[in-house]
Protein backbone atom coordinates (compact mmCIF):
# COMPACT_ATOMS: atom_id res chain seq x y z
CA UNK A 1 0.00 0.00 0.00
CA UNK A 2 1.19 3.49 -0.75
CA UNK A 3 1.28 6.33 1.76
CA UNK A 4 0.98 9.13 -0.81
CA UNK A 5 -2.67 9.90 -1.38
CA UNK A 6 -2.31 13.03 -3.53
CA UNK A 7 0.42 14.52 -5.69
CA UNK A 8 0.36 17.71 -7.79
CA UNK A 9 3.05 19.12 -10.07
CA UNK A 10 3.62 22.75 -9.11
CA UNK A 11 6.60 23.78 -11.25
CA UNK A 12 8.87 22.37 -13.95
CA UNK A 13 12.33 23.82 -14.66
CA UNK A 14 14.33 21.90 -17.29
CA UNK A 15 15.16 18.65 -15.42
CA UNK A 16 13.81 19.75 -12.02
CA UNK A 17 10.27 19.25 -10.81
CA UNK A 18 8.53 20.64 -7.72
CA UNK A 19 5.57 18.69 -6.37
CA UNK A 20 3.03 19.25 -3.63
CA UNK A 21 2.17 15.99 -1.87
CA UNK A 22 -0.47 15.06 0.68
CA UNK A 23 0.23 12.05 2.91
CA UNK A 24 -1.96 9.83 5.04
CA UNK A 25 0.62 10.05 7.83
CA UNK A 26 4.02 11.57 8.53
CA UNK A 27 6.43 11.47 11.45
CA UNK A 28 9.04 14.15 12.10
CA UNK A 29 12.28 12.60 13.35
CA UNK A 30 14.93 15.26 13.86
CA UNK A 31 17.65 13.06 15.39
CA UNK A 32 17.68 14.96 18.69
CA UNK A 33 18.18 11.81 20.76
CA UNK A 34 20.98 9.25 20.45
CA UNK A 35 18.77 6.34 21.50
CA UNK A 36 16.08 4.98 19.18
CA UNK A 37 12.66 6.43 20.00
CA UNK A 38 9.56 5.79 17.94
CA UNK A 39 6.44 7.35 19.50
CA UNK A 40 3.42 5.08 19.91
CA UNK A 41 0.85 7.66 21.03
CA UNK A 42 -0.01 8.91 17.52
CA UNK A 43 -3.66 8.26 16.56
CA UNK A 44 -3.85 5.29 14.18
CA UNK A 45 -0.21 4.37 14.72
CA UNK A 46 -1.02 0.98 16.24
CA UNK A 47 -3.21 0.02 13.25
CA UNK A 48 -0.58 0.69 10.56
CA UNK A 49 -0.21 -1.83 7.74
CA UNK A 50 3.36 -0.91 6.84
CA UNK A 51 6.71 -1.50 8.56
CA UNK A 52 8.46 1.34 10.37
CA UNK A 53 12.20 1.32 10.96
CA UNK A 54 14.45 3.88 12.63
CA UNK A 55 17.40 5.03 10.50
CA UNK A 56 19.75 3.85 13.25
CA UNK A 57 18.83 0.26 12.31
CA UNK A 58 19.33 0.69 8.53
CA UNK A 59 22.29 -1.27 7.15
CA UNK A 60 21.75 -2.66 3.63
CA UNK A 61 19.72 -1.26 0.70
CA UNK A 62 19.02 -4.64 -0.98
CA UNK A 63 16.05 -5.41 1.27
CA UNK A 64 14.25 -2.33 -0.07
CA UNK A 65 14.97 -2.78 -3.78
CA UNK A 66 11.86 -2.43 -5.98
CA UNK A 67 9.71 -1.30 -3.03
CA UNK A 68 7.91 1.94 -2.30
CA UNK A 69 9.85 3.62 0.53
CA UNK A 70 9.34 6.91 2.35
CA UNK A 71 12.24 8.49 4.21
CA UNK A 72 11.49 11.20 6.71
PDB file of N, CA and C in Angstrom:
ATOM      1  N   UNK A   1       0.837  -1.174   0.000  1.00  0.00           N
ATOM      2  CA  UNK A   1       0.000   0.000   0.000  1.00  0.00           C
ATOM      3  C   UNK A   1       0.882   1.238   0.000  1.00  0.00           C
ATOM      4  N   UNK A   2       0.434   2.251  -0.681  1.00  0.00           N
ATOM      5  CA  UNK A   2       1.192   3.489  -0.746  1.00  0.00           C
ATOM      6  C   UNK A   2       0.704   4.483   0.292  1.00  0.00           C
ATOM      7  N   UNK A   3       1.616   5.317   0.769  1.00  0.00           N
ATOM      8  CA  UNK A   3       1.282   6.326   1.755  1.00  0.00           C
ATOM      9  C   UNK A   3       0.804   7.605   1.067  1.00  0.00           C
ATOM     10  N   UNK A   4       1.346   7.901  -0.113  1.00  0.00           N
ATOM     11  CA  UNK A   4       0.979   9.127  -0.809  1.00  0.00           C
ATOM     12  C   UNK A   4      -0.453   9.008  -1.309  1.00  0.00           C
ATOM     13  N   UNK A   5      -1.283   9.957  -0.933  1.00  0.00           N
ATOM     14  CA  UNK A   5      -2.671   9.904  -1.379  1.00  0.00           C
ATOM     15  C   UNK A   5      -2.978  10.984  -2.421  1.00  0.00           C
ATOM     16  N   UNK A   6      -2.064  11.943  -2.594  1.00  0.00           N
ATOM     17  CA  UNK A   6      -2.311  13.028  -3.532  1.00  0.00           C
ATOM     18  C   UNK A   6      -0.982  13.652  -3.930  1.00  0.00           C
ATOM     19  N   UNK A   7      -0.802  13.883  -5.210  1.00  0.00           N
ATOM     20  CA  UNK A   7       0.425  14.525  -5.686  1.00  0.00           C
ATOM     21  C   UNK A   7       0.071  15.475  -6.821  1.00  0.00           C
ATOM     22  N   UNK A   8       0.648  16.696  -6.781  1.00  0.00           N
ATOM     23  CA  UNK A   8       0.359  17.705  -7.785  1.00  0.00           C
ATOM     24  C   UNK A   8       1.655  18.361  -8.229  1.00  0.00           C
ATOM     25  N   UNK A   9       1.877  18.439  -9.526  1.00  0.00           N
ATOM     26  CA  UNK A   9       3.049  19.117 -10.069  1.00  0.00           C
ATOM     27  C   UNK A   9       2.837  20.622  -9.976  1.00  0.00           C
ATOM     28  N   UNK A  10       3.739  21.305  -9.279  1.00  0.00           N
ATOM     29  CA  UNK A  10       3.618  22.751  -9.113  1.00  0.00           C
ATOM     30  C   UNK A  10       4.451  23.520 -10.127  1.00  0.00           C
ATOM     31  N   UNK A  11       5.703  23.082 -10.337  1.00  0.00           N
ATOM     32  CA  UNK A  11       6.605  23.778 -11.249  1.00  0.00           C
ATOM     33  C   UNK A  11       7.507  22.790 -11.969  1.00  0.00           C
ATOM     34  N   UNK A  12       7.936  23.174 -13.170  1.00  0.00           N
ATOM     35  CA  UNK A  12       8.869  22.367 -13.945  1.00  0.00           C
ATOM     36  C   UNK A  12       9.939  23.297 -14.497  1.00  0.00           C
ATOM     37  N   UNK A  13      11.194  23.024 -14.197  1.00  0.00           N
ATOM     38  CA  UNK A  13      12.329  23.819 -14.664  1.00  0.00           C
ATOM     39  C   UNK A  13      13.355  22.863 -15.275  1.00  0.00           C
ATOM     40  N   UNK A  14      13.430  22.804 -16.579  1.00  0.00           N
ATOM     41  CA  UNK A  14      14.334  21.905 -17.293  1.00  0.00           C
ATOM     42  C   UNK A  14      14.215  20.489 -16.737  1.00  0.00           C
ATOM     43  N   UNK A  15      15.198  20.018 -15.961  1.00  0.00           N
ATOM     44  CA  UNK A  15      15.159  18.655 -15.421  1.00  0.00           C
ATOM     45  C   UNK A  15      14.712  18.601 -13.967  1.00  0.00           C
ATOM     46  N   UNK A  16      14.243  19.717 -13.420  1.00  0.00           N
ATOM     47  CA  UNK A  16      13.811  19.754 -12.024  1.00  0.00           C
ATOM     48  C   UNK A  16      12.299  19.921 -11.947  1.00  0.00           C
ATOM     49  N   UNK A  17      11.703  19.208 -11.002  1.00  0.00           N
ATOM     50  CA  UNK A  17      10.267  19.247 -10.813  1.00  0.00           C
ATOM     51  C   UNK A  17       9.958  19.532  -9.349  1.00  0.00           C
ATOM     52  N   UNK A  18       8.961  20.354  -9.087  1.00  0.00           N
ATOM     53  CA  UNK A  18       8.529  20.645  -7.723  1.00  0.00           C
ATOM     54  C   UNK A  18       7.093  20.160  -7.582  1.00  0.00           C
ATOM     55  N   UNK A  19       6.882  19.275  -6.604  1.00  0.00           N
ATOM     56  CA  UNK A  19       5.572  18.685  -6.370  1.00  0.00           C
ATOM     57  C   UNK A  19       5.023  19.092  -5.011  1.00  0.00           C
ATOM     58  N   UNK A  20       3.724  19.140  -4.905  1.00  0.00           N
ATOM     59  CA  UNK A  20       3.032  19.246  -3.631  1.00  0.00           C
ATOM     60  C   UNK A  20       2.443  17.866  -3.378  1.00  0.00           C
ATOM     61  N   UNK A  21       2.666  17.323  -2.177  1.00  0.00           N
ATOM     62  CA  UNK A  21       2.167  15.989  -1.865  1.00  0.00           C
ATOM     63  C   UNK A  21       1.380  16.005  -0.563  1.00  0.00           C
ATOM     64  N   UNK A  22       0.325  15.223  -0.530  1.00  0.00           N
ATOM     65  CA  UNK A  22      -0.471  15.057   0.679  1.00  0.00           C
ATOM     66  C   UNK A  22      -0.327  13.607   1.119  1.00  0.00           C
ATOM     67  N   UNK A  23       0.004  13.396   2.387  1.00  0.00           N
ATOM     68  CA  UNK A  23       0.230  12.054   2.907  1.00  0.00           C
ATOM     69  C   UNK A  23      -0.846  11.655   3.901  1.00  0.00           C
ATOM     70  N   UNK A  24      -1.047  10.358   4.037  1.00  0.00           N
ATOM     71  CA  UNK A  24      -1.965   9.835   5.037  1.00  0.00           C
ATOM     72  C   UNK A  24      -1.375  10.010   6.437  1.00  0.00           C
ATOM     73  N   UNK A  25      -0.046   9.928   6.538  1.00  0.00           N
ATOM     74  CA  UNK A  25       0.625  10.051   7.831  1.00  0.00           C
ATOM     75  C   UNK A  25       2.054  10.492   7.610  1.00  0.00           C
ATOM     76  N   UNK A  26       2.615  11.170   8.593  1.00  0.00           N
ATOM     77  CA  UNK A  26       4.020  11.568   8.534  1.00  0.00           C
ATOM     78  C   UNK A  26       4.539  11.715   9.958  1.00  0.00           C
ATOM     79  N   UNK A  27       5.786  11.350  10.151  1.00  0.00           N
ATOM     80  CA  UNK A  27       6.432  11.472  11.452  1.00  0.00           C
ATOM     81  C   UNK A  27       7.671  12.332  11.267  1.00  0.00           C
ATOM     82  N   UNK A  28       7.857  13.295  12.139  1.00  0.00           N
ATOM     83  CA  UNK A  28       9.041  14.146  12.097  1.00  0.00           C
ATOM     84  C   UNK A  28      10.064  13.563  13.062  1.00  0.00           C
ATOM     85  N   UNK A  29      11.215  13.183  12.533  1.00  0.00           N
ATOM     86  CA  UNK A  29      12.283  12.596  13.348  1.00  0.00           C
ATOM     87  C   UNK A  29      13.545  13.427  13.129  1.00  0.00           C
ATOM     88  N   UNK A  30      13.837  14.317  14.069  1.00  0.00           N
ATOM     89  CA  UNK A  30      14.928  15.259  13.863  1.00  0.00           C
ATOM     90  C   UNK A  30      16.282  14.782  14.369  1.00  0.00           C
ATOM     91  N   UNK A  31      16.363  13.581  14.951  1.00  0.00           N
ATOM     92  CA  UNK A  31      17.651  13.055  15.387  1.00  0.00           C
ATOM     93  C   UNK A  31      18.159  13.688  16.664  1.00  0.00           C
ATOM     94  N   UNK A  32      17.290  14.278  17.456  1.00  0.00           N
ATOM     95  CA  UNK A  32      17.683  14.963  18.689  1.00  0.00           C
ATOM     96  C   UNK A  32      18.250  13.999  19.730  1.00  0.00           C
ATOM     97  N   UNK A  33      17.747  12.784  19.761  1.00  0.00           N
ATOM     98  CA  UNK A  33      18.176  11.809  20.763  1.00  0.00           C
ATOM     99  C   UNK A  33      19.113  10.774  20.157  1.00  0.00           C
ATOM    100  N   UNK A  34      20.033  10.250  20.956  1.00  0.00           N
ATOM    101  CA  UNK A  34      20.975   9.253  20.452  1.00  0.00           C
ATOM    102  C   UNK A  34      20.424   7.838  20.565  1.00  0.00           C
ATOM    103  N   UNK A  35      19.400   7.642  21.384  1.00  0.00           N
ATOM    104  CA  UNK A  35      18.774   6.336  21.497  1.00  0.00           C
ATOM    105  C   UNK A  35      17.532   6.304  20.610  1.00  0.00           C
ATOM    106  N   UNK A  36      17.246   5.130  20.065  1.00  0.00           N
ATOM    107  CA  UNK A  36      16.085   4.981  19.182  1.00  0.00           C
ATOM    108  C   UNK A  36      14.805   5.264  19.958  1.00  0.00           C
ATOM    109  N   UNK A  37      13.968   6.129  19.402  1.00  0.00           N
ATOM    110  CA  UNK A  37      12.664   6.427  19.996  1.00  0.00           C
ATOM    111  C   UNK A  37      11.650   6.562  18.864  1.00  0.00           C
ATOM    112  N   UNK A  38      10.654   5.715  18.892  1.00  0.00           N
ATOM    113  CA  UNK A  38       9.560   5.789  17.938  1.00  0.00           C
ATOM    114  C   UNK A  38       8.282   5.957  18.758  1.00  0.00           C
ATOM    115  N   UNK A  39       7.628   7.117  18.676  1.00  0.00           N
ATOM    116  CA  UNK A  39       6.437   7.350  19.504  1.00  0.00           C
ATOM    117  C   UNK A  39       5.309   6.394  19.151  1.00  0.00           C
ATOM    118  N   UNK A  40       4.548   5.992  20.156  1.00  0.00           N
ATOM    119  CA  UNK A  40       3.424   5.084  19.911  1.00  0.00           C
ATOM    120  C   UNK A  40       2.092   5.702  20.307  1.00  0.00           C
ATOM    121  N   UNK A  41       2.091   7.004  20.614  1.00  0.00           N
ATOM    122  CA  UNK A  41       0.850   7.656  21.026  1.00  0.00           C
ATOM    123  C   UNK A  41       0.222   8.496  19.919  1.00  0.00           C
ATOM    124  N   UNK A  42       0.555   8.200  18.671  1.00  0.00           N
ATOM    125  CA  UNK A  42      -0.008   8.907  17.524  1.00  0.00           C
ATOM    126  C   UNK A  42      -1.293   8.193  17.105  1.00  0.00           C
ATOM    127  N   UNK A  43      -2.407   8.905  16.949  1.00  0.00           N
ATOM    128  CA  UNK A  43      -3.664   8.259  16.560  1.00  0.00           C
ATOM    129  C   UNK A  43      -3.508   7.433  15.282  1.00  0.00           C
ATOM    130  N   UNK A  44      -3.938   6.175  15.325  1.00  0.00           N
ATOM    131  CA  UNK A  44      -3.853   5.287  14.181  1.00  0.00           C
ATOM    132  C   UNK A  44      -2.530   4.582  14.033  1.00  0.00           C
ATOM    133  N   UNK A  45      -1.553   4.947  14.835  1.00  0.00           N
ATOM    134  CA  UNK A  45      -0.206   4.374  14.722  1.00  0.00           C
ATOM    135  C   UNK A  45      -0.210   2.869  14.967  1.00  0.00           C
ATOM    136  N   UNK A  46      -1.002   2.405  15.909  1.00  0.00           N
ATOM    137  CA  UNK A  46      -1.022   0.981  16.238  1.00  0.00           C
ATOM    138  C   UNK A  46      -1.764   0.142  15.206  1.00  0.00           C
ATOM    139  N   UNK A  47      -2.486   0.768  14.270  1.00  0.00           N
ATOM    140  CA  UNK A  47      -3.214   0.016  13.247  1.00  0.00           C
ATOM    141  C   UNK A  47      -2.543   0.110  11.883  1.00  0.00           C
ATOM    142  N   UNK A  48      -1.293   0.525  11.847  1.00  0.00           N
ATOM    143  CA  UNK A  48      -0.581   0.687  10.563  1.00  0.00           C
ATOM    144  C   UNK A  48      -0.432  -0.654   9.862  1.00  0.00           C
ATOM    145  N   UNK A  49      -0.366  -0.608   8.549  1.00  0.00           N
ATOM    146  CA  UNK A  49      -0.211  -1.826   7.741  1.00  0.00           C
ATOM    147  C   UNK A  49       1.119  -1.824   7.003  1.00  0.00           C
ATOM    148  N   UNK A  50       2.058  -1.014   7.487  1.00  0.00           N
ATOM    149  CA  UNK A  50       3.358  -0.912   6.836  1.00  0.00           C
ATOM    150  C   UNK A  50       4.446  -0.942   7.907  1.00  0.00           C
ATOM    151  N   UNK A  51       5.625  -1.450   7.566  1.00  0.00           N
ATOM    152  CA  UNK A  51       6.708  -1.496   8.559  1.00  0.00           C
ATOM    153  C   UNK A  51       7.311  -0.114   8.800  1.00  0.00           C
ATOM    154  N   UNK A  52       7.775   0.110  10.009  1.00  0.00           N
ATOM    155  CA  UNK A  52       8.464   1.341  10.370  1.00  0.00           C
ATOM    156  C   UNK A  52       9.822   0.945  10.942  1.00  0.00           C
ATOM    157  N   UNK A  53      10.865   1.607  10.477  1.00  0.00           N
ATOM    158  CA  UNK A  53      12.203   1.316  10.960  1.00  0.00           C
ATOM    159  C   UNK A  53      12.935   2.625  11.218  1.00  0.00           C
ATOM    160  N   UNK A  54      13.632   2.711  12.311  1.00  0.00           N
ATOM    161  CA  UNK A  54      14.452   3.877  12.631  1.00  0.00           C
ATOM    162  C   UNK A  54      15.723   3.822  11.784  1.00  0.00           C
ATOM    163  N   UNK A  55      16.200   4.982  11.349  1.00  0.00           N
ATOM    164  CA  UNK A  55      17.396   5.028  10.499  1.00  0.00           C
ATOM    165  C   UNK A  55      18.626   4.445  11.189  1.00  0.00           C
ATOM    166  N   UNK A  56      18.624   4.422  12.499  1.00  0.00           N
ATOM    167  CA  UNK A  56      19.746   3.847  13.249  1.00  0.00           C
ATOM    168  C   UNK A  56      19.911   2.362  12.938  1.00  0.00           C
ATOM    169  N   UNK A  57      18.811   1.691  12.589  1.00  0.00           N
ATOM    170  CA  UNK A  57      18.832   0.256  12.311  1.00  0.00           C
ATOM    171  C   UNK A  57      19.112  -0.073  10.852  1.00  0.00           C
ATOM    172  N   UNK A  58      19.116   0.920   9.969  1.00  0.00           N
ATOM    173  CA  UNK A  58      19.329   0.689   8.535  1.00  0.00           C
ATOM    174  C   UNK A  58      20.770   0.274   8.265  1.00  0.00           C
ATOM    175  N   UNK A  59      20.944  -0.805   7.490  1.00  0.00           N
ATOM    176  CA  UNK A  59      22.287  -1.271   7.151  1.00  0.00           C
ATOM    177  C   UNK A  59      22.484  -1.510   5.655  1.00  0.00           C
ATOM    178  N   UNK A  60      21.577  -2.236   5.027  1.00  0.00           N
ATOM    179  CA  UNK A  60      21.751  -2.656   3.633  1.00  0.00           C
ATOM    180  C   UNK A  60      20.566  -2.229   2.770  1.00  0.00           C
ATOM    181  N   UNK A  61      20.813  -1.716   1.562  1.00  0.00           N
ATOM    182  CA  UNK A  61      19.724  -1.260   0.700  1.00  0.00           C
ATOM    183  C   UNK A  61      19.000  -2.384  -0.053  1.00  0.00           C
ATOM    184  N   UNK A  62      19.598  -3.565  -0.155  1.00  0.00           N
ATOM    185  CA  UNK A  62      19.023  -4.638  -0.978  1.00  0.00           C
ATOM    186  C   UNK A  62      17.621  -5.051  -0.525  1.00  0.00           C
ATOM    187  N   UNK A  63      17.363  -5.011   0.752  1.00  0.00           N
ATOM    188  CA  UNK A  63      16.055  -5.413   1.269  1.00  0.00           C
ATOM    189  C   UNK A  63      14.932  -4.522   0.736  1.00  0.00           C
ATOM    190  N   UNK A  64      15.256  -3.311   0.356  1.00  0.00           N
ATOM    191  CA  UNK A  64      14.251  -2.331  -0.065  1.00  0.00           C
ATOM    192  C   UNK A  64      14.189  -2.133  -1.577  1.00  0.00           C
ATOM    193  N   UNK A  65      14.959  -2.898  -2.320  1.00  0.00           N
ATOM    194  CA  UNK A  65      14.970  -2.780  -3.777  1.00  0.00           C
ATOM    195  C   UNK A  65      13.604  -3.101  -4.350  1.00  0.00           C
ATOM    196  N   UNK A  66      13.151  -2.273  -5.288  1.00  0.00           N
ATOM    197  CA  UNK A  66      11.859  -2.430  -5.982  1.00  0.00           C
ATOM    198  C   UNK A  66      10.662  -2.290  -5.034  1.00  0.00           C
ATOM    199  N   UNK A  67      10.814  -1.533  -3.963  1.00  0.00           N
ATOM    200  CA  UNK A  67       9.709  -1.300  -3.034  1.00  0.00           C
ATOM    201  C   UNK A  67       9.465   0.202  -2.914  1.00  0.00           C
ATOM    202  N   UNK A  68       8.261   0.569  -2.549  1.00  0.00           N
ATOM    203  CA  UNK A  68       7.915   1.945  -2.295  1.00  0.00           C
ATOM    204  C   UNK A  68       8.371   2.294  -0.881  1.00  0.00           C
ATOM    205  N   UNK A  69       9.267   3.273  -0.760  1.00  0.00           N
ATOM    206  CA  UNK A  69       9.854   3.618   0.534  1.00  0.00           C
ATOM    207  C   UNK A  69       9.708   5.118   0.771  1.00  0.00           C
ATOM    208  N   UNK A  70       9.367   5.503   1.990  1.00  0.00           N
ATOM    209  CA  UNK A  70       9.339   6.914   2.354  1.00  0.00           C
ATOM    210  C   UNK A  70      10.389   7.120   3.434  1.00  0.00           C
ATOM    211  N   UNK A  71      11.193   8.138   3.240  1.00  0.00           N
ATOM    212  CA  UNK A  71      12.242   8.488   4.207  1.00  0.00           C
ATOM    213  C   UNK A  71      11.914   9.862   4.750  1.00  0.00           C
ATOM    214  N   UNK A  72      11.812   9.938   6.062  1.00  0.00           N
ATOM    215  CA  UNK A  72      11.485  11.202   6.706  1.00  0.00           C
ATOM    216  C   UNK A  72      12.678  11.632   7.530  1.00  0.00           C
TER     217      UNK A  72
END
